[in-house]
N, C-alpha and C. Protein backbone atom coordinates (compact mmCIF):
# COMPACT_ATOMS: atom_id res chain seq x y z
N MET A 1 -15.51 -49.90 -1.70
CA MET A 1 -14.92 -50.31 -2.95
C MET A 1 -13.68 -49.46 -3.27
N ALA A 2 -13.73 -48.19 -2.91
CA ALA A 2 -12.59 -47.31 -3.16
C ALA A 2 -11.37 -47.74 -2.36
N LEU A 3 -11.59 -48.23 -1.13
CA LEU A 3 -10.46 -48.67 -0.32
C LEU A 3 -9.80 -49.92 -0.91
N HIS A 4 -10.50 -50.63 -1.74
CA HIS A 4 -9.95 -51.81 -2.39
C HIS A 4 -9.19 -51.42 -3.67
N LEU A 5 -9.75 -50.50 -4.44
CA LEU A 5 -9.18 -50.17 -5.74
C LEU A 5 -8.14 -49.04 -5.70
N LEU A 6 -8.30 -48.08 -4.81
CA LEU A 6 -7.41 -46.92 -4.79
C LEU A 6 -5.95 -47.26 -4.53
N PRO A 7 -5.61 -48.10 -3.55
CA PRO A 7 -4.19 -48.42 -3.37
C PRO A 7 -3.58 -49.10 -4.60
N GLY A 8 -4.31 -49.97 -5.24
CA GLY A 8 -3.80 -50.62 -6.44
C GLY A 8 -3.59 -49.65 -7.58
N ALA A 9 -4.50 -48.69 -7.72
CA ALA A 9 -4.34 -47.68 -8.76
C ALA A 9 -3.14 -46.78 -8.48
N LEU A 10 -2.95 -46.42 -7.23
CA LEU A 10 -1.80 -45.59 -6.87
C LEU A 10 -0.48 -46.33 -7.07
N ILE A 11 -0.45 -47.61 -6.71
CA ILE A 11 0.76 -48.41 -6.90
C ILE A 11 1.06 -48.55 -8.38
N THR A 12 0.04 -48.80 -9.19
CA THR A 12 0.23 -48.94 -10.63
C THR A 12 0.77 -47.65 -11.24
N ALA A 13 0.23 -46.52 -10.83
CA ALA A 13 0.69 -45.23 -11.36
C ALA A 13 2.14 -44.97 -10.98
N LEU A 14 2.50 -45.23 -9.73
CA LEU A 14 3.88 -45.02 -9.31
C LEU A 14 4.82 -46.01 -9.99
N TYR A 15 4.38 -47.24 -10.16
CA TYR A 15 5.21 -48.23 -10.86
C TYR A 15 5.47 -47.81 -12.30
N ALA A 16 4.46 -47.27 -12.96
CA ALA A 16 4.64 -46.82 -14.34
C ALA A 16 5.67 -45.70 -14.42
N LEU A 17 5.73 -44.88 -13.38
CA LEU A 17 6.73 -43.82 -13.36
C LEU A 17 8.11 -44.32 -12.95
N LEU A 18 8.17 -45.27 -12.03
CA LEU A 18 9.43 -45.73 -11.48
C LEU A 18 10.14 -46.79 -12.32
N ALA A 19 9.40 -47.61 -13.04
CA ALA A 19 10.01 -48.74 -13.75
C ALA A 19 11.11 -48.31 -14.72
N PRO A 20 10.91 -47.31 -15.55
CA PRO A 20 12.01 -46.92 -16.45
C PRO A 20 13.23 -46.37 -15.69
N VAL A 21 12.98 -45.66 -14.62
CA VAL A 21 14.09 -45.11 -13.83
C VAL A 21 14.88 -46.23 -13.17
N VAL A 22 14.15 -47.17 -12.60
CA VAL A 22 14.80 -48.29 -11.91
C VAL A 22 15.61 -49.13 -12.91
N ARG A 23 15.03 -49.37 -14.08
CA ARG A 23 15.76 -50.14 -15.10
C ARG A 23 17.00 -49.40 -15.58
N SER A 24 16.95 -48.07 -15.64
CA SER A 24 18.12 -47.31 -16.10
C SER A 24 19.27 -47.40 -15.10
N PHE A 25 18.96 -47.68 -13.83
CA PHE A 25 20.00 -47.86 -12.82
C PHE A 25 20.52 -49.31 -12.78
N GLY A 26 19.96 -50.17 -13.62
CA GLY A 26 20.44 -51.55 -13.71
C GLY A 26 19.70 -52.54 -12.83
N PHE A 27 18.66 -52.12 -12.18
CA PHE A 27 17.86 -53.03 -11.35
C PHE A 27 16.74 -53.62 -12.19
N PRO A 28 16.22 -54.78 -11.80
CA PRO A 28 15.05 -55.31 -12.51
C PRO A 28 13.82 -54.43 -12.23
N SER A 29 12.88 -54.45 -13.14
CA SER A 29 11.70 -53.58 -13.00
C SER A 29 10.84 -53.97 -11.80
N LEU A 30 11.02 -55.18 -11.29
CA LEU A 30 10.29 -55.59 -10.09
C LEU A 30 10.65 -54.70 -8.89
N MET A 31 11.84 -54.11 -8.93
CA MET A 31 12.24 -53.19 -7.87
C MET A 31 11.28 -52.00 -7.81
N GLY A 32 10.69 -51.63 -8.94
CA GLY A 32 9.72 -50.55 -8.97
C GLY A 32 8.48 -50.88 -8.17
N ILE A 33 8.05 -52.13 -8.23
CA ILE A 33 6.89 -52.57 -7.43
C ILE A 33 7.23 -52.51 -5.95
N PHE A 34 8.42 -52.98 -5.60
CA PHE A 34 8.82 -52.94 -4.19
C PHE A 34 8.87 -51.51 -3.67
N LEU A 35 9.40 -50.59 -4.47
CA LEU A 35 9.43 -49.19 -4.06
C LEU A 35 8.03 -48.60 -3.98
N ALA A 36 7.15 -48.98 -4.89
CA ALA A 36 5.78 -48.48 -4.86
C ALA A 36 5.06 -48.98 -3.61
N ILE A 37 5.29 -50.22 -3.22
CA ILE A 37 4.70 -50.74 -1.99
C ILE A 37 5.23 -49.98 -0.79
N LEU A 38 6.53 -49.73 -0.79
CA LEU A 38 7.15 -49.03 0.32
C LEU A 38 6.69 -47.58 0.40
N LEU A 39 6.54 -46.92 -0.74
CA LEU A 39 6.23 -45.49 -0.76
C LEU A 39 4.73 -45.17 -0.80
N VAL A 40 3.89 -46.13 -1.23
CA VAL A 40 2.46 -45.85 -1.38
C VAL A 40 1.61 -46.74 -0.50
N LEU A 41 1.74 -48.04 -0.62
CA LEU A 41 0.82 -48.95 0.05
C LEU A 41 0.91 -48.88 1.57
N ILE A 42 2.11 -48.98 2.10
CA ILE A 42 2.26 -48.98 3.56
C ILE A 42 1.82 -47.64 4.17
N PRO A 43 2.27 -46.49 3.63
CA PRO A 43 1.76 -45.23 4.20
C PRO A 43 0.25 -45.04 4.02
N PHE A 44 -0.30 -45.51 2.91
CA PHE A 44 -1.74 -45.38 2.69
C PHE A 44 -2.52 -46.17 3.73
N GLU A 45 -2.13 -47.42 3.96
CA GLU A 45 -2.87 -48.25 4.91
C GLU A 45 -2.70 -47.75 6.34
N LEU A 46 -1.49 -47.38 6.74
CA LEU A 46 -1.30 -46.87 8.08
C LEU A 46 -1.98 -45.51 8.27
N GLY A 47 -1.96 -44.69 7.22
CA GLY A 47 -2.65 -43.41 7.28
C GLY A 47 -4.14 -43.57 7.42
N TYR A 48 -4.70 -44.55 6.74
CA TYR A 48 -6.14 -44.78 6.85
C TYR A 48 -6.50 -45.26 8.26
N LEU A 49 -5.67 -46.12 8.84
CA LEU A 49 -5.94 -46.55 10.22
C LEU A 49 -5.86 -45.37 11.18
N GLN A 50 -4.91 -44.48 10.96
CA GLN A 50 -4.81 -43.30 11.82
C GLN A 50 -6.01 -42.38 11.63
N TYR A 51 -6.45 -42.22 10.40
CA TYR A 51 -7.64 -41.41 10.12
C TYR A 51 -8.86 -41.97 10.84
N ARG A 52 -9.05 -43.29 10.76
CA ARG A 52 -10.21 -43.91 11.43
C ARG A 52 -10.12 -43.78 12.95
N SER A 53 -8.92 -43.89 13.51
CA SER A 53 -8.80 -43.77 14.96
C SER A 53 -9.09 -42.34 15.41
N ARG A 54 -8.67 -41.35 14.62
CA ARG A 54 -8.99 -39.96 14.96
C ARG A 54 -10.48 -39.70 14.83
N ARG A 55 -11.10 -40.29 13.83
CA ARG A 55 -12.52 -40.10 13.60
C ARG A 55 -13.36 -40.69 14.74
N GLN A 56 -12.84 -41.76 15.34
CA GLN A 56 -13.55 -42.40 16.45
C GLN A 56 -13.17 -41.79 17.80
N ASN A 57 -12.35 -40.74 17.79
CA ASN A 57 -11.91 -40.06 19.01
C ASN A 57 -11.20 -41.00 19.97
N SER A 58 -10.46 -41.95 19.45
CA SER A 58 -9.70 -42.84 20.33
C SER A 58 -8.29 -42.26 20.51
N ASP A 59 -7.44 -42.97 21.17
CA ASP A 59 -6.12 -42.45 21.51
C ASP A 59 -5.08 -42.65 20.40
N LEU A 60 -5.49 -42.57 19.15
CA LEU A 60 -4.60 -42.65 17.98
C LEU A 60 -3.86 -43.97 17.87
N SER A 61 -4.39 -44.99 18.44
CA SER A 61 -3.77 -46.30 18.33
C SER A 61 -4.54 -47.14 17.32
N PRO A 62 -3.85 -47.69 16.31
CA PRO A 62 -4.55 -48.56 15.36
C PRO A 62 -5.17 -49.78 16.02
N ARG A 63 -4.67 -50.14 17.19
CA ARG A 63 -5.21 -51.29 17.92
C ARG A 63 -6.67 -51.05 18.32
N ASN A 64 -7.06 -49.80 18.48
CA ASN A 64 -8.45 -49.50 18.83
C ASN A 64 -9.36 -49.50 17.62
N VAL A 65 -8.80 -49.46 16.43
CA VAL A 65 -9.60 -49.46 15.21
C VAL A 65 -9.78 -50.88 14.68
N VAL A 66 -8.72 -51.67 14.73
CA VAL A 66 -8.77 -53.06 14.27
C VAL A 66 -9.39 -53.88 15.38
N LEU A 67 -10.56 -54.43 15.09
CA LEU A 67 -11.32 -55.10 16.14
C LEU A 67 -10.83 -56.51 16.44
N TYR A 68 -10.34 -57.20 15.44
CA TYR A 68 -9.97 -58.59 15.62
C TYR A 68 -8.46 -58.70 15.79
N HIS A 69 -7.97 -58.52 17.00
CA HIS A 69 -6.54 -58.62 17.26
C HIS A 69 -6.21 -59.71 18.28
N GLU A 70 -7.14 -60.62 18.47
CA GLU A 70 -6.88 -61.76 19.36
C GLU A 70 -6.27 -62.89 18.54
N ARG A 71 -5.44 -63.66 19.18
CA ARG A 71 -4.83 -64.79 18.48
C ARG A 71 -5.84 -65.89 18.20
N THR A 72 -5.62 -66.57 17.11
CA THR A 72 -6.47 -67.70 16.75
C THR A 72 -6.02 -68.91 17.55
N PRO A 73 -6.93 -69.62 18.18
CA PRO A 73 -6.52 -70.80 18.96
C PRO A 73 -5.98 -71.90 18.06
N ARG A 74 -5.00 -72.61 18.56
CA ARG A 74 -4.43 -73.73 17.80
C ARG A 74 -5.35 -74.92 17.86
N ALA A 75 -5.36 -75.67 16.78
CA ALA A 75 -6.24 -76.83 16.72
C ALA A 75 -5.68 -78.00 17.46
């Protein structure tokens, strides 16, 4: 449950800090969400995959942690 809620809470906190700054530079406040995704969500998810791969003693490749990486057959 924490892996579901924590990234959203972190993004919300960073957005609350960034939105006034972004607006003062003349950008729409939506730019704050984009920056929060870039600065929090992507590193958090990639960092968690790296943590899991180290925990499983694999070769630090996220491909070894994500089990379903085969293509879906076309209908």
